[in-house]
Protein backbone atom coordinates (compact mmCIF):
# COMPACT_ATOMS: atom_id res chain seq x y z
CA MET A 1 95.09 -6.30 -40.54
CA LYS A 2 93.71 -9.07 -38.40
CA PRO A 3 92.08 -8.17 -35.08
CA PRO A 4 94.07 -9.13 -32.04
CA PRO A 5 93.41 -12.60 -30.76
CA GLY A 6 90.39 -12.76 -28.43
CA SER A 7 88.92 -9.41 -29.56
CA PHE A 8 85.86 -11.07 -31.12
CA ALA A 9 84.96 -12.79 -27.89
CA LEU A 10 85.56 -9.58 -25.97
CA ASN A 11 83.25 -7.58 -28.26
CA ALA A 12 80.55 -10.21 -27.92
CA MET A 13 80.84 -10.05 -24.15
CA ARG A 14 80.56 -6.25 -24.23
CA ALA A 15 77.40 -6.44 -26.40
CA LEU A 16 75.82 -8.93 -24.01
CA LEU A 17 76.60 -6.73 -20.98
CA LEU A 18 75.15 -3.67 -22.77
CA ALA A 19 71.91 -5.55 -23.56
CA LEU A 20 71.58 -6.67 -19.93
CA CYS A 21 72.09 -3.08 -18.67
CA LEU A 22 69.47 -1.73 -21.07
CA ALA A 23 66.98 -4.39 -19.95
CA ALA A 24 67.60 -3.62 -16.28
CA CYS A 25 67.15 0.14 -16.76
CA GLY A 26 64.05 -0.12 -18.95
CA PRO A 27 60.48 0.20 -17.63
CA ALA A 28 59.31 -2.70 -15.55
CA ALA A 29 56.73 -5.02 -17.07
CA PRO A 30 53.24 -4.27 -15.80
CA PRO A 31 52.16 -6.62 -13.01
CA PRO A 32 49.35 -9.02 -13.78
CA ALA A 33 45.95 -7.44 -13.29
CA ALA A 34 44.64 -7.96 -9.77
CA ARG A 35 41.59 -10.17 -9.66
CA ARG A 36 38.56 -8.27 -8.46
CA PRO A 37 36.12 -10.06 -6.19
CA ALA A 38 32.88 -11.05 -7.83
CA PRO A 39 30.05 -8.56 -7.12
CA PRO A 40 27.52 -9.77 -4.52
CA PRO A 41 24.18 -10.99 -5.88
CA PRO A 42 21.47 -8.31 -5.92
CA ALA A 43 19.54 -8.14 -2.67
CA GLU A 44 15.97 -9.38 -2.84
CA SER A 45 13.26 -6.76 -2.34
CA PRO A 46 11.89 -7.02 1.21
CA VAL A 47 8.40 -8.47 1.46
CA PRO A 48 5.91 -5.84 2.69
CA ALA A 49 4.56 -6.45 6.18
CA GLU A 50 1.07 -7.94 6.53
CA ILE A 51 -0.73 -5.02 8.13
CA ARG A 52 -4.39 -5.61 7.29
CA GLY A 53 -6.87 -5.86 10.13
CA GLU A 54 -8.51 -3.91 12.94
CA TRP A 55 -6.25 -1.86 15.23
CA ARG A 56 -6.39 0.44 18.29
CA LEU A 57 -3.81 3.22 18.81
CA THR A 58 -1.74 2.69 22.00
CA ALA A 59 1.16 5.14 21.55
CA MET A 60 2.18 8.05 19.34
CA ASN A 61 5.58 9.69 19.03
CA GLY A 62 6.82 8.17 22.28
CA ARG A 63 3.70 8.93 24.37
CA ALA A 64 0.99 6.52 25.45
CA ALA A 65 -2.52 7.14 24.17
CA PRO A 66 -4.56 9.04 26.80
CA ALA A 67 -7.44 7.23 28.45
CA PRO A 68 -10.98 8.43 27.63
CA ASP A 69 -12.32 10.87 30.22
CA ASP A 70 -15.69 12.16 31.39
CA THR A 71 -15.43 15.38 29.37
CA ASP A 72 -16.00 13.50 26.10
CA SER A 73 -12.88 15.17 24.64
CA ILE A 74 -10.66 12.07 24.46
CA HIS A 75 -11.73 9.09 22.37
CA PRO A 76 -9.91 5.90 21.41
CA ILE A 77 -8.52 5.98 17.87
CA LEU A 78 -9.43 2.83 15.94
CA MET A 79 -8.18 2.00 12.46
CA THR A 80 -9.16 -0.47 9.77
CA VAL A 81 -6.29 -1.34 7.43
CA GLY A 82 -7.37 -2.74 4.08
CA ASP A 83 -5.38 -3.72 1.01
CA PHE A 84 -4.59 -0.09 0.18
CA THR A 85 -6.34 2.13 2.73
CA PHE A 86 -6.00 3.32 6.32
CA ARG A 87 -9.46 4.22 7.68
CA ALA A 88 -9.04 5.58 11.20
CA ARG A 89 -11.73 7.14 13.38
CA SER A 90 -11.91 8.97 16.68
CA GLN A 91 -15.57 9.06 17.67
CA CYS A 92 -17.10 10.68 14.55
CA VAL A 93 -13.85 12.19 13.22
CA ALA A 94 -12.44 10.21 10.31
CA PHE A 95 -8.85 10.04 9.05
CA TRP A 96 -8.50 8.30 5.70
CA ARG A 97 -5.33 7.65 3.75
CA ARG A 98 -4.42 5.54 0.74
CA TYR A 99 -1.14 3.70 0.83
CA ALA A 100 1.03 1.81 -1.67
CA TRP A 101 4.19 -0.25 -1.29
CA ASP A 102 7.48 0.78 -2.89
CA GLY A 103 9.50 -2.29 -1.92
CA SER A 104 9.16 -2.21 1.88
CA ARG A 105 8.53 1.55 1.93
CA LEU A 106 5.04 2.95 2.48
CA VAL A 107 3.84 5.77 0.25
CA VAL A 108 0.87 7.48 1.93
CA THR A 109 -1.55 9.91 0.26
CA GLN A 110 -4.69 11.70 1.41
CA ALA A 111 -8.17 10.27 0.86
CA ASN A 112 -11.48 12.05 1.41
CA PRO A 113 -13.29 10.62 4.46
CA GLY A 114 -16.59 12.32 3.70
CA ALA A 115 -18.74 14.01 6.34
CA MET A 116 -17.47 14.31 9.93
CA CYS A 117 -19.07 15.32 13.19
CA ALA A 118 -19.59 19.01 13.88
CA ARG A 119 -16.70 19.66 16.25
CA GLY A 120 -13.06 20.63 16.02
CA LEU A 121 -10.15 18.23 16.38
CA SER A 122 -8.35 17.86 19.68
CA ALA A 123 -4.57 18.39 19.81
CA TRP A 124 -4.12 14.60 20.00
CA GLU A 125 -6.29 14.05 16.91
CA THR A 126 -4.49 16.81 15.00
CA GLU A 127 -1.13 15.23 15.81
CA PHE A 128 -2.42 11.80 14.79
CA SER A 129 -3.58 13.11 11.41
CA ARG A 130 -0.21 14.75 10.76
CA THR A 131 1.73 11.68 11.93
CA LEU A 132 -0.30 9.21 9.87
CA SER A 133 0.53 11.23 6.74
CA SER A 134 4.26 11.02 7.55
CA VAL A 135 4.76 7.26 8.02
CA THR A 136 7.04 5.43 5.58
CA ARG A 137 7.59 2.05 7.28
CA ALA A 138 5.39 -0.68 8.71
CA GLU A 139 6.33 -3.49 11.09
CA ARG A 140 4.15 -6.12 12.68
CA ARG A 141 5.64 -7.88 15.71
CA ASN A 142 4.23 -9.76 18.73
CA GLY A 143 0.69 -8.86 17.75
CA ALA A 144 1.39 -5.12 17.48
CA LEU A 145 1.54 -2.86 14.42
CA ARG A 146 4.15 -0.06 14.23
CA LEU A 147 4.02 2.65 11.59
CA THR A 148 7.11 4.85 11.55
CA GLY A 149 8.80 7.59 9.56
CA PRO A 150 11.67 10.05 9.94
CA GLU A 151 9.64 12.02 12.49
CA ALA A 152 6.66 9.72 13.05
CA SER A 153 5.84 6.77 15.28
CA LEU A 154 2.47 5.10 15.76
CA THR A 155 1.90 1.87 17.72
CA PHE A 156 -1.32 -0.12 17.57
CA GLU A 157 -2.65 -3.22 19.30
CA ALA A 158 -5.05 -5.63 17.65
CA ALA A 159 -8.68 -4.60 18.14
CA PRO A 160 -11.71 -6.89 18.10
CA PRO A 161 -13.18 -7.40 14.63
CA LEU A 162 -15.93 -4.96 13.74
CA PRO A 163 -19.44 -6.38 14.07
CA ARG A 164 -21.28 -7.37 10.95
CA HIS A 165 -22.97 -4.33 9.41
CA ASP A 166 -26.54 -4.40 8.24
CA ILE A 167 -26.02 -3.41 4.61
CA THR A 168 -29.48 -4.32 3.36
CA GLY A 169 -31.41 -1.65 1.52
CA ARG A 170 -31.19 0.39 -1.66
CA TRP A 171 -27.97 2.25 -2.44
CA ARG A 172 -26.84 4.68 -5.17
CA LEU A 173 -23.24 4.85 -6.39
CA GLN A 174 -21.55 8.16 -5.46
CA PHE A 175 -17.81 7.62 -5.93
CA PHE A 176 -15.77 4.99 -7.73
CA HIS A 177 -12.30 4.95 -6.15
CA GLY A 178 -12.57 8.61 -5.20
CA ALA A 179 -14.05 9.87 -8.49
CA ALA A 180 -17.64 10.59 -9.42
CA PRO A 181 -19.19 8.40 -12.15
CA PRO A 182 -18.58 9.68 -15.70
CA ALA A 183 -20.99 12.33 -16.98
CA GLY A 184 -23.81 10.90 -19.08
CA GLU A 185 -23.90 7.51 -17.32
CA GLU A 186 -27.19 6.31 -15.90
CA PRO A 187 -27.01 6.34 -12.07
CA ILE A 188 -26.08 2.89 -10.79
CA GLU A 189 -28.17 1.62 -7.88
CA ILE A 190 -27.92 -1.67 -6.03
CA THR A 191 -30.52 -3.36 -3.84
CA ILE A 192 -29.09 -5.56 -1.09
CA THR A 193 -31.26 -8.18 0.54
CA ASP A 194 -30.19 -10.96 2.87
CA GLY A 195 -27.58 -12.81 0.82
CA ARG A 196 -28.14 -11.16 -2.57
CA ILE A 197 -27.16 -7.95 -4.40
CA ASP A 198 -29.14 -6.81 -7.46
CA VAL A 199 -28.36 -3.84 -9.69
CA ASN A 200 -30.68 -1.59 -11.70
CA ALA A 201 -28.55 -1.94 -14.87
CA CYS A 202 -30.04 -4.91 -16.68
CA VAL A 203 -26.70 -5.88 -18.14
CA PHE A 204 -25.79 -7.41 -14.79
CA SER A 205 -27.28 -10.52 -13.26
CA GLY A 206 -26.52 -9.72 -9.64
CA TRP A 207 -24.39 -11.35 -6.98
CA ARG A 208 -24.73 -13.62 -3.98
CA TYR A 209 -22.75 -12.67 -0.87
CA ARG A 210 -21.81 -13.90 2.58
CA GLN A 211 -20.61 -11.71 5.47
CA ASP A 212 -18.16 -12.41 8.27
CA GLY A 213 -17.86 -9.22 10.30
CA THR A 214 -16.90 -6.62 7.71
CA LEU A 215 -15.46 -9.24 5.34
CA MET A 216 -17.51 -10.31 2.32
CA GLU A 217 -17.41 -13.22 -0.07
CA VAL A 218 -19.18 -12.43 -3.35
CA THR A 219 -20.09 -14.76 -6.21
CA PRO A 220 -21.98 -13.88 -9.45
CA ALA A 221 -25.59 -15.01 -9.60
CA ASP A 222 -27.51 -16.03 -12.72
CA GLY A 223 -30.20 -13.75 -14.04
CA ALA A 224 -31.64 -11.99 -17.07
CA VAL A 225 -29.41 -9.78 -19.19
CA CYS A 226 -30.84 -7.07 -21.45
CA GLU A 227 -29.97 -6.92 -25.13
CA ARG A 228 -27.52 -4.06 -25.31
CA MET A 229 -23.81 -3.52 -25.03
CA THR A 230 -22.30 -2.57 -21.69
CA THR A 231 -20.53 0.77 -21.37
CA PRO A 232 -16.87 0.79 -20.27
CA PHE A 233 -17.92 2.15 -16.86
CA GLU A 234 -20.53 -0.60 -16.42
CA GLN A 235 -17.88 -3.18 -17.30
CA ARG A 236 -15.56 -1.69 -14.69
CA PHE A 237 -18.32 -1.67 -12.09
CA GLY A 238 -19.28 -5.27 -12.80
CA SER A 239 -15.66 -6.40 -12.59
CA PHE A 240 -15.31 -4.58 -9.27
CA MET A 241 -18.41 -6.21 -7.80
CA ASP A 242 -17.08 -9.67 -8.70
CA ARG A 243 -14.08 -9.00 -6.42
CA VAL A 244 -15.59 -7.24 -3.38
CA THR A 245 -13.97 -8.38 -0.12
CA ARG A 246 -15.17 -5.90 2.53
CA ALA A 247 -18.30 -3.89 3.40
CA THR A 248 -18.28 -1.04 5.92
CA ILE A 249 -20.89 1.49 7.05
CA ILE A 250 -19.00 4.70 7.87
CA GLN A 251 -19.87 7.53 10.22
CA ASP A 252 -22.18 9.42 7.85
CA GLY A 253 -24.14 6.26 6.99
CA SER A 254 -22.54 5.68 3.58
CA LEU A 255 -21.70 2.16 2.41
CA ILE A 256 -18.08 1.46 1.45
CA LEU A 257 -17.28 -1.63 -0.62
CA ASP A 258 -13.63 -2.61 -1.07
CA SER A 259 -11.86 -4.95 -3.44
CA ALA A 260 -8.12 -5.61 -3.40
CA ALA A 261 -7.60 -2.82 -5.93
CA GLU A 262 -10.49 -0.33 -5.71
CA GLN A 263 -13.04 1.24 -3.39
CA VAL A 264 -16.63 2.30 -4.08
CA GLU A 265 -18.93 4.48 -2.01
CA PHE A 266 -22.76 4.40 -2.02
CA ASP A 267 -25.35 6.59 -0.35
CA ARG A 268 -28.60 5.12 0.92
CA VAL A 269 -31.67 5.81 -1.23
CA GLY A 270 -34.91 6.56 0.63
């Protein structure tokens, strides 16, 4: 039997309507992925502040430094900042620290200042020692130096350069960057005359030097060299002497020589 007229078209229409209903009821197509903003470029590491020089303490933890008095119990605190050391002093009391940069953050560690005067520390000096160990930031602005930390604040003004020290004489090496010379090494002695440094180890030729306050400019000088190999410690010492930049006589009379990376201490001989 033939289908009634128009039934084919009606069935087709029903199929189309069913397909449209199924499409409308089905899950919606996922929206296009949202575009994420490009990540910002990595921040550049801050440049450490230039803090080297001679400084005088003017304030600590929100209080001005007390003026010296007639009782000889209050003394100005002066500090020499080198490439990696704080060397502060209050009369004959010394406060030494080593520091390193971690980005713009200061990392401060203890350093042995050697002999001090035979007296106790005042409350101000005790607080200064504790505060200096706690600083983590340095800022130099308008001629002043500020060292700060979570619970520390020290403010310094520029101090006059230290006078040129008389470093002439004969000196014996005691400590190389805080450590005694290796066991079994011959003691290293240097003789400093006006403008020249000679060493008792014949593997070195000596050095010429020029002073400007505590700053030094050292250049190797020609001379005889003995016929033997240098030890690793002698090589290290010779390399250090080629790069000396500062000479200081400290409170106990020892001679401190600094380079940009290391520090050496001598005691006077005779």
